[in-house]
Amino acid sequence: MNSKTPLPVDDLAEFLSGDWHLVRRLTSLEPRQGGAVEGRVSILPWNDGLDYCETVDVQYVGYRGRATREYRYRLSGRGSANVCFADGRFFHALDLRQGRWRAEHVCGRDIYRGSFRVLGPGRWVARWRVRGPRKDLRIMSLYERAP
């Protein structure tokens, strides 16, 4: 299967569970600036779903340092989940049964439009386009299963 054909995911928990290597590109379009993120993501069973924990090194617009992020994936079916922030607020739905998904999240006056694609059994990508009064940003995150 080539990377242009998404790989359907029947069991989201099985597919996502484990350790992942993450490489993220950040491109601010106004003014034109870029940055990079690299690190590790651990996705483990948690209550009614999965716990996503990201620990990364960030280089973006003069900032260099370590950052962490957590999400909760509340499973809503074998191939789908509601992704929530660590405090329980809803972020977006995710359904990878077709191997791809589009999502949208409104945060104040900013709009996040995302697309997800499963590239293979141990590889997936998330892309976000963020627009708002103070943001004009593209985010591309590539996840590869850690050895």
N, C-alpha and C. Protein backbone atom coordinates (compact mmCIF):
# COMPACT_ATOMS: atom_id res chain seq x y z
N MET A 1 0.84 -1.18 0.00
CA MET A 1 0.00 0.00 0.00
C MET A 1 0.88 1.24 0.00
N ASN A 2 0.65 2.17 -0.92
CA ASN A 2 1.47 3.38 -0.95
C ASN A 2 0.92 4.40 0.04
N SER A 3 1.71 5.43 0.33
CA SER A 3 1.33 6.41 1.34
C SER A 3 0.17 7.29 0.90
N LYS A 4 -0.21 7.25 -0.38
CA LYS A 4 -1.35 8.04 -0.84
C LYS A 4 -2.67 7.34 -0.52
N THR A 5 -2.63 6.05 -0.32
CA THR A 5 -3.82 5.29 0.03
C THR A 5 -3.85 5.12 1.54
N PRO A 6 -4.84 5.72 2.23
CA PRO A 6 -4.86 5.60 3.68
C PRO A 6 -5.18 4.16 4.12
N LEU A 7 -4.62 3.78 5.25
CA LEU A 7 -4.83 2.45 5.80
C LEU A 7 -5.99 2.52 6.79
N PRO A 8 -7.10 1.81 6.52
CA PRO A 8 -8.22 1.82 7.46
C PRO A 8 -7.82 1.22 8.82
N VAL A 9 -8.39 1.77 9.87
CA VAL A 9 -8.11 1.32 11.24
C VAL A 9 -9.41 0.80 11.84
N ASP A 10 -9.46 -0.52 12.09
CA ASP A 10 -10.66 -1.11 12.69
C ASP A 10 -10.70 -0.91 14.20
N ASP A 11 -9.53 -0.93 14.84
CA ASP A 11 -9.46 -0.81 16.30
C ASP A 11 -8.51 0.33 16.64
N LEU A 12 -9.08 1.49 16.96
CA LEU A 12 -8.29 2.69 17.22
C LEU A 12 -7.37 2.51 18.43
N ALA A 13 -7.88 1.90 19.49
CA ALA A 13 -7.06 1.70 20.70
C ALA A 13 -5.85 0.82 20.40
N GLU A 14 -6.06 -0.24 19.65
CA GLU A 14 -4.95 -1.13 19.29
C GLU A 14 -3.93 -0.40 18.41
N PHE A 15 -4.42 0.36 17.43
CA PHE A 15 -3.52 1.07 16.52
C PHE A 15 -2.68 2.12 17.25
N LEU A 16 -3.31 2.94 18.10
CA LEU A 16 -2.62 4.06 18.73
C LEU A 16 -1.78 3.67 19.95
N SER A 17 -2.14 2.61 20.64
CA SER A 17 -1.45 2.25 21.88
C SER A 17 0.03 1.97 21.65
N GLY A 18 0.84 2.53 22.55
CA GLY A 18 2.27 2.29 22.49
C GLY A 18 3.06 3.59 22.47
N ASP A 19 4.32 3.47 22.07
CA ASP A 19 5.23 4.62 22.02
C ASP A 19 5.46 5.03 20.57
N TRP A 20 5.51 6.34 20.35
CA TRP A 20 5.66 6.92 19.03
C TRP A 20 6.78 7.95 19.03
N HIS A 21 7.49 8.04 17.93
CA HIS A 21 8.44 9.13 17.70
C HIS A 21 7.68 10.20 16.94
N LEU A 22 7.79 11.44 17.37
CA LEU A 22 7.04 12.55 16.78
C LEU A 22 7.99 13.59 16.21
N VAL A 23 7.74 13.98 14.96
CA VAL A 23 8.42 15.11 14.33
C VAL A 23 7.32 16.05 13.86
N ARG A 24 7.41 17.31 14.30
CA ARG A 24 6.38 18.30 13.96
C ARG A 24 7.03 19.52 13.33
N ARG A 25 6.46 19.99 12.23
CA ARG A 25 6.88 21.24 11.60
C ARG A 25 5.82 22.29 11.87
N LEU A 26 6.27 23.47 12.26
CA LEU A 26 5.38 24.60 12.50
C LEU A 26 5.75 25.70 11.51
N THR A 27 4.77 26.21 10.80
CA THR A 27 5.03 27.29 9.86
C THR A 27 4.03 28.40 10.12
N SER A 28 4.54 29.51 10.61
CA SER A 28 3.71 30.70 10.80
C SER A 28 3.74 31.48 9.50
N LEU A 29 2.57 31.75 8.95
CA LEU A 29 2.51 32.38 7.64
C LEU A 29 2.49 33.90 7.70
N GLU A 30 2.24 34.45 8.88
CA GLU A 30 2.19 35.92 9.01
C GLU A 30 2.78 36.32 10.34
N PRO A 31 3.99 36.76 10.49
CA PRO A 31 5.01 36.82 9.45
C PRO A 31 5.56 35.42 9.19
N ARG A 32 6.18 35.23 8.06
CA ARG A 32 6.66 33.90 7.66
C ARG A 32 7.82 33.47 8.55
N GLN A 33 7.54 32.49 9.41
CA GLN A 33 8.54 31.94 10.33
C GLN A 33 8.27 30.45 10.47
N GLY A 34 9.27 29.73 10.89
CA GLY A 34 9.09 28.30 11.06
C GLY A 34 9.71 27.80 12.34
N GLY A 35 9.42 26.57 12.63
CA GLY A 35 9.98 25.93 13.80
C GLY A 35 9.84 24.43 13.70
N ALA A 36 10.38 23.76 14.68
CA ALA A 36 10.36 22.30 14.69
C ALA A 36 10.17 21.79 16.10
N VAL A 37 9.56 20.63 16.16
CA VAL A 37 9.32 19.92 17.41
C VAL A 37 9.73 18.48 17.18
N GLU A 38 10.40 17.88 18.15
CA GLU A 38 10.74 16.46 18.05
C GLU A 38 10.73 15.85 19.43
N GLY A 39 10.21 14.63 19.51
CA GLY A 39 10.17 13.98 20.80
C GLY A 39 9.42 12.66 20.77
N ARG A 40 8.84 12.35 21.91
CA ARG A 40 8.22 11.05 22.11
C ARG A 40 6.79 11.23 22.57
N VAL A 41 5.93 10.34 22.11
CA VAL A 41 4.54 10.29 22.53
C VAL A 41 4.27 8.89 23.06
N SER A 42 3.64 8.84 24.21
CA SER A 42 3.22 7.57 24.81
C SER A 42 1.70 7.58 24.86
N ILE A 43 1.07 6.55 24.31
CA ILE A 43 -0.39 6.44 24.31
C ILE A 43 -0.74 5.14 25.01
N LEU A 44 -1.37 5.28 26.18
CA LEU A 44 -1.64 4.12 27.04
C LEU A 44 -3.11 4.04 27.42
N PRO A 45 -3.60 2.82 27.74
CA PRO A 45 -4.99 2.69 28.19
C PRO A 45 -5.26 3.57 29.40
N TRP A 46 -6.46 4.15 29.42
CA TRP A 46 -6.88 5.03 30.51
C TRP A 46 -8.40 4.98 30.60
N ASN A 47 -8.94 4.63 31.76
CA ASN A 47 -10.39 4.58 32.00
C ASN A 47 -11.17 4.10 30.78
N ASP A 48 -11.90 5.01 30.14
CA ASP A 48 -12.75 4.66 28.99
C ASP A 48 -12.07 4.92 27.66
N GLY A 49 -10.74 4.94 27.65
CA GLY A 49 -10.06 5.22 26.40
C GLY A 49 -8.55 5.17 26.51
N LEU A 50 -7.91 6.21 26.00
CA LEU A 50 -6.46 6.27 25.92
C LEU A 50 -5.95 7.59 26.49
N ASP A 51 -4.76 7.54 27.06
CA ASP A 51 -4.08 8.72 27.59
C ASP A 51 -2.90 9.02 26.67
N TYR A 52 -2.90 10.21 26.06
CA TYR A 52 -1.85 10.65 25.14
C TYR A 52 -0.93 11.60 25.90
N CYS A 53 0.35 11.24 26.02
CA CYS A 53 1.34 12.09 26.72
C CYS A 53 2.50 12.37 25.77
N GLU A 54 2.74 13.65 25.52
CA GLU A 54 3.77 14.09 24.58
C GLU A 54 4.85 14.83 25.35
N THR A 55 6.11 14.45 25.13
CA THR A 55 7.26 15.16 25.68
C THR A 55 8.19 15.46 24.52
N VAL A 56 8.40 16.76 24.25
CA VAL A 56 9.12 17.15 23.04
C VAL A 56 10.10 18.28 23.31
N ASP A 57 11.06 18.41 22.40
CA ASP A 57 11.95 19.57 22.37
C ASP A 57 11.43 20.49 21.28
N VAL A 58 11.30 21.78 21.61
CA VAL A 58 10.70 22.76 20.72
C VAL A 58 11.72 23.82 20.33
N GLN A 59 11.72 24.18 19.05
CA GLN A 59 12.46 25.34 18.54
C GLN A 59 11.48 26.11 17.68
N TYR A 60 11.02 27.28 18.19
CA TYR A 60 10.02 28.03 17.46
C TYR A 60 10.07 29.51 17.83
N VAL A 61 10.25 30.35 16.85
CA VAL A 61 10.22 31.81 16.99
C VAL A 61 11.03 32.26 18.22
N GLY A 62 12.30 31.86 18.23
CA GLY A 62 13.20 32.29 19.30
C GLY A 62 13.10 31.50 20.59
N TYR A 63 12.16 30.58 20.69
CA TYR A 63 12.03 29.76 21.89
C TYR A 63 12.69 28.41 21.67
N ARG A 64 13.46 27.98 22.65
CA ARG A 64 14.05 26.63 22.65
C ARG A 64 13.79 26.05 24.02
N GLY A 65 13.20 24.88 24.05
CA GLY A 65 12.96 24.26 25.35
C GLY A 65 12.14 23.01 25.22
N ARG A 66 11.82 22.47 26.35
CA ARG A 66 11.05 21.24 26.43
C ARG A 66 9.59 21.60 26.69
N ALA A 67 8.70 20.80 26.12
CA ALA A 67 7.26 21.02 26.32
C ALA A 67 6.56 19.68 26.48
N THR A 68 5.45 19.71 27.17
CA THR A 68 4.62 18.51 27.34
C THR A 68 3.18 18.85 26.97
N ARG A 69 2.45 17.82 26.60
CA ARG A 69 1.04 17.99 26.25
C ARG A 69 0.33 16.67 26.55
N GLU A 70 -0.91 16.78 27.00
CA GLU A 70 -1.72 15.58 27.26
C GLU A 70 -3.10 15.73 26.66
N TYR A 71 -3.59 14.62 26.13
CA TYR A 71 -4.97 14.52 25.65
C TYR A 71 -5.56 13.23 26.19
N ARG A 72 -6.87 13.18 26.22
CA ARG A 72 -7.59 11.96 26.57
C ARG A 72 -8.43 11.56 25.36
N TYR A 73 -8.29 10.33 24.92
CA TYR A 73 -9.08 9.80 23.82
C TYR A 73 -10.18 8.96 24.44
N ARG A 74 -11.41 9.46 24.40
CA ARG A 74 -12.56 8.72 24.92
C ARG A 74 -13.15 7.93 23.76
N LEU A 75 -12.96 6.62 23.82
CA LEU A 75 -13.40 5.77 22.72
C LEU A 75 -14.91 5.83 22.56
N SER A 76 -15.36 6.00 21.31
CA SER A 76 -16.78 6.07 21.02
C SER A 76 -17.20 4.95 20.08
N GLY A 77 -16.29 4.06 19.78
CA GLY A 77 -16.48 2.92 18.90
C GLY A 77 -15.11 2.29 18.68
N ARG A 78 -15.07 1.17 17.98
CA ARG A 78 -13.77 0.51 17.79
C ARG A 78 -12.78 1.36 16.99
N GLY A 79 -13.26 2.13 16.04
CA GLY A 79 -12.37 2.92 15.20
C GLY A 79 -12.45 4.42 15.43
N SER A 80 -13.13 4.82 16.53
CA SER A 80 -13.34 6.26 16.72
C SER A 80 -13.24 6.66 18.19
N ALA A 81 -13.01 7.97 18.39
CA ALA A 81 -12.89 8.51 19.75
C ALA A 81 -13.21 10.00 19.73
N ASN A 82 -13.54 10.52 20.89
CA ASN A 82 -13.61 11.95 21.12
C ASN A 82 -12.31 12.33 21.80
N VAL A 83 -11.57 13.24 21.20
CA VAL A 83 -10.30 13.69 21.76
C VAL A 83 -10.58 14.90 22.65
N CYS A 84 -10.12 14.81 23.89
CA CYS A 84 -10.36 15.88 24.86
C CYS A 84 -9.03 16.38 25.40
N PHE A 85 -9.03 17.64 25.84
CA PHE A 85 -7.87 18.18 26.53
C PHE A 85 -7.75 17.47 27.88
N ALA A 86 -6.61 17.60 28.53
CA ALA A 86 -6.38 16.93 29.82
C ALA A 86 -7.40 17.31 30.87
N ASP A 87 -7.97 18.53 30.76
CA ASP A 87 -8.96 18.97 31.75
C ASP A 87 -10.38 18.49 31.42
N GLY A 88 -10.53 17.71 30.35
CA GLY A 88 -11.82 17.14 30.00
C GLY A 88 -12.60 17.88 28.94
N ARG A 89 -12.17 19.08 28.54
CA ARG A 89 -12.88 19.82 27.49
C ARG A 89 -12.71 19.11 26.15
N PHE A 90 -13.79 19.08 25.38
CA PHE A 90 -13.79 18.46 24.06
C PHE A 90 -12.89 19.24 23.10
N PHE A 91 -12.07 18.51 22.33
CA PHE A 91 -11.21 19.10 21.31
C PHE A 91 -11.78 18.80 19.92
N HIS A 92 -11.85 17.50 19.57
CA HIS A 92 -12.41 17.11 18.27
C HIS A 92 -12.70 15.62 18.26
N ALA A 93 -13.53 15.21 17.31
CA ALA A 93 -13.78 13.79 17.09
C ALA A 93 -12.68 13.23 16.19
N LEU A 94 -12.48 11.92 16.27
CA LEU A 94 -11.48 11.25 15.44
C LEU A 94 -12.03 9.88 15.06
N ASP A 95 -12.13 9.62 13.76
CA ASP A 95 -12.63 8.34 13.26
C ASP A 95 -11.72 7.90 12.12
N LEU A 96 -10.93 6.88 12.37
CA LEU A 96 -9.94 6.44 11.38
C LEU A 96 -10.35 5.13 10.68
N ARG A 97 -11.63 4.79 10.72
CA ARG A 97 -12.07 3.55 10.07
C ARG A 97 -11.84 3.57 8.56
N GLN A 98 -11.79 4.76 7.96
CA GLN A 98 -11.48 4.89 6.54
C GLN A 98 -10.00 5.22 6.31
N GLY A 99 -9.25 5.35 7.42
CA GLY A 99 -7.83 5.67 7.32
C GLY A 99 -7.54 7.16 7.22
N ARG A 100 -8.60 7.96 7.25
CA ARG A 100 -8.43 9.42 7.19
C ARG A 100 -9.61 10.07 7.91
N TRP A 101 -9.40 11.35 8.29
CA TRP A 101 -10.44 12.06 9.02
C TRP A 101 -10.18 13.56 8.93
N ARG A 102 -11.24 14.33 8.96
CA ARG A 102 -11.15 15.79 9.03
C ARG A 102 -11.85 16.25 10.29
N ALA A 103 -11.27 17.26 10.94
CA ALA A 103 -11.81 17.76 12.19
C ALA A 103 -11.73 19.28 12.20
N GLU A 104 -12.54 19.87 13.06
CA GLU A 104 -12.51 21.32 13.24
C GLU A 104 -12.69 21.63 14.71
N HIS A 105 -11.97 22.66 15.17
CA HIS A 105 -12.08 23.10 16.56
C HIS A 105 -12.05 24.63 16.57
N VAL A 106 -13.03 25.21 17.24
CA VAL A 106 -13.08 26.67 17.39
C VAL A 106 -12.57 27.00 18.78
N CYS A 107 -11.56 27.87 18.84
CA CYS A 107 -10.96 28.28 20.11
C CYS A 107 -11.01 29.80 20.15
N GLY A 108 -12.03 30.34 20.82
CA GLY A 108 -12.21 31.79 20.79
C GLY A 108 -12.50 32.22 19.37
N ARG A 109 -11.67 33.12 18.85
CA ARG A 109 -11.84 33.57 17.46
C ARG A 109 -10.91 32.84 16.49
N ASP A 110 -10.19 31.85 16.99
CA ASP A 110 -9.30 31.05 16.14
C ASP A 110 -10.02 29.78 15.69
N ILE A 111 -9.77 29.37 14.45
CA ILE A 111 -10.35 28.13 13.93
C ILE A 111 -9.22 27.19 13.56
N TYR A 112 -9.28 25.97 14.09
CA TYR A 112 -8.32 24.91 13.81
C TYR A 112 -9.01 23.91 12.89
N ARG A 113 -8.46 23.69 11.71
CA ARG A 113 -8.98 22.68 10.79
C ARG A 113 -7.91 21.61 10.62
N GLY A 114 -8.28 20.38 10.95
CA GLY A 114 -7.30 19.31 10.94
C GLY A 114 -7.64 18.21 9.96
N SER A 115 -6.61 17.52 9.51
CA SER A 115 -6.78 16.31 8.70
C SER A 115 -5.81 15.27 9.23
N PHE A 116 -6.27 14.04 9.26
CA PHE A 116 -5.50 12.91 9.78
C PHE A 116 -5.46 11.84 8.71
N ARG A 117 -4.33 11.17 8.59
CA ARG A 117 -4.19 10.10 7.59
C ARG A 117 -3.28 9.03 8.15
N VAL A 118 -3.72 7.79 8.04
CA VAL A 118 -2.90 6.64 8.45
C VAL A 118 -2.10 6.20 7.23
N LEU A 119 -0.78 6.28 7.34
CA LEU A 119 0.11 5.98 6.22
C LEU A 119 0.54 4.52 6.17
N GLY A 120 0.42 3.83 7.29
CA GLY A 120 0.82 2.43 7.38
C GLY A 120 0.59 1.94 8.79
N PRO A 121 0.92 0.68 9.07
CA PRO A 121 0.64 0.10 10.38
C PRO A 121 1.35 0.80 11.54
N GLY A 122 2.43 1.51 11.27
CA GLY A 122 3.15 2.20 12.33
C GLY A 122 3.46 3.64 11.98
N ARG A 123 2.56 4.26 11.21
CA ARG A 123 2.84 5.61 10.73
C ARG A 123 1.55 6.36 10.45
N TRP A 124 1.44 7.57 11.00
CA TRP A 124 0.28 8.41 10.71
C TRP A 124 0.66 9.88 10.79
N VAL A 125 -0.15 10.72 10.17
CA VAL A 125 0.15 12.15 10.11
C VAL A 125 -1.09 12.95 10.50
N ALA A 126 -0.85 14.04 11.20
CA ALA A 126 -1.91 14.99 11.55
C ALA A 126 -1.47 16.36 11.03
N ARG A 127 -2.35 17.03 10.32
CA ARG A 127 -2.07 18.37 9.80
C ARG A 127 -3.15 19.32 10.32
N TRP A 128 -2.72 20.47 10.80
CA TRP A 128 -3.65 21.50 11.28
C TRP A 128 -3.37 22.81 10.56
N ARG A 129 -4.43 23.48 10.19
CA ARG A 129 -4.37 24.84 9.63
C ARG A 129 -5.10 25.71 10.64
N VAL A 130 -4.40 26.68 11.20
CA VAL A 130 -4.94 27.53 12.26
C VAL A 130 -5.04 28.96 11.73
N ARG A 131 -6.24 29.53 11.84
CA ARG A 131 -6.45 30.90 11.41
C ARG A 131 -7.24 31.65 12.46
N GLY A 132 -6.86 32.88 12.67
CA GLY A 132 -7.56 33.73 13.62
C GLY A 132 -6.97 35.12 13.58
N PRO A 133 -7.47 35.98 14.46
CA PRO A 133 -7.00 37.36 14.45
C PRO A 133 -5.49 37.50 14.71
N ARG A 134 -4.94 36.56 15.49
CA ARG A 134 -3.51 36.66 15.81
C ARG A 134 -2.72 35.45 15.32
N LYS A 135 -3.39 34.53 14.58
CA LYS A 135 -2.71 33.31 14.14
C LYS A 135 -2.94 33.05 12.67
N ASP A 136 -1.89 32.59 12.03
CA ASP A 136 -1.95 32.10 10.65
C ASP A 136 -0.85 31.06 10.57
N LEU A 137 -1.20 29.82 10.86
CA LEU A 137 -0.21 28.79 11.16
C LEU A 137 -0.57 27.46 10.51
N ARG A 138 0.46 26.75 10.07
CA ARG A 138 0.32 25.36 9.61
C ARG A 138 1.16 24.48 10.52
N ILE A 139 0.58 23.36 10.91
CA ILE A 139 1.25 22.40 11.80
C ILE A 139 1.16 21.03 11.14
N MET A 140 2.29 20.37 10.95
CA MET A 140 2.31 19.03 10.39
C MET A 140 3.05 18.13 11.38
N SER A 141 2.37 17.09 11.87
CA SER A 141 2.95 16.16 12.84
C SER A 141 3.00 14.76 12.24
N LEU A 142 4.20 14.18 12.19
CA LEU A 142 4.38 12.82 11.70
C LEU A 142 4.71 11.93 12.89
N TYR A 143 3.93 10.86 13.03
CA TYR A 143 4.10 9.89 14.11
C TYR A 143 4.59 8.58 13.52
N GLU A 144 5.68 8.07 14.06
CA GLU A 144 6.19 6.76 13.64
C GLU A 144 6.39 5.92 14.88
N ARG A 145 5.91 4.67 14.81
CA ARG A 145 6.00 3.80 15.98
C ARG A 145 7.46 3.66 16.40
N ALA A 146 7.69 3.84 17.70
CA ALA A 146 9.05 3.73 18.24
C ALA A 146 9.47 2.26 18.27
N PRO A 147 10.75 2.00 18.00
CA PRO A 147 11.22 0.60 18.02
C PRO A 147 11.18 0.01 19.43
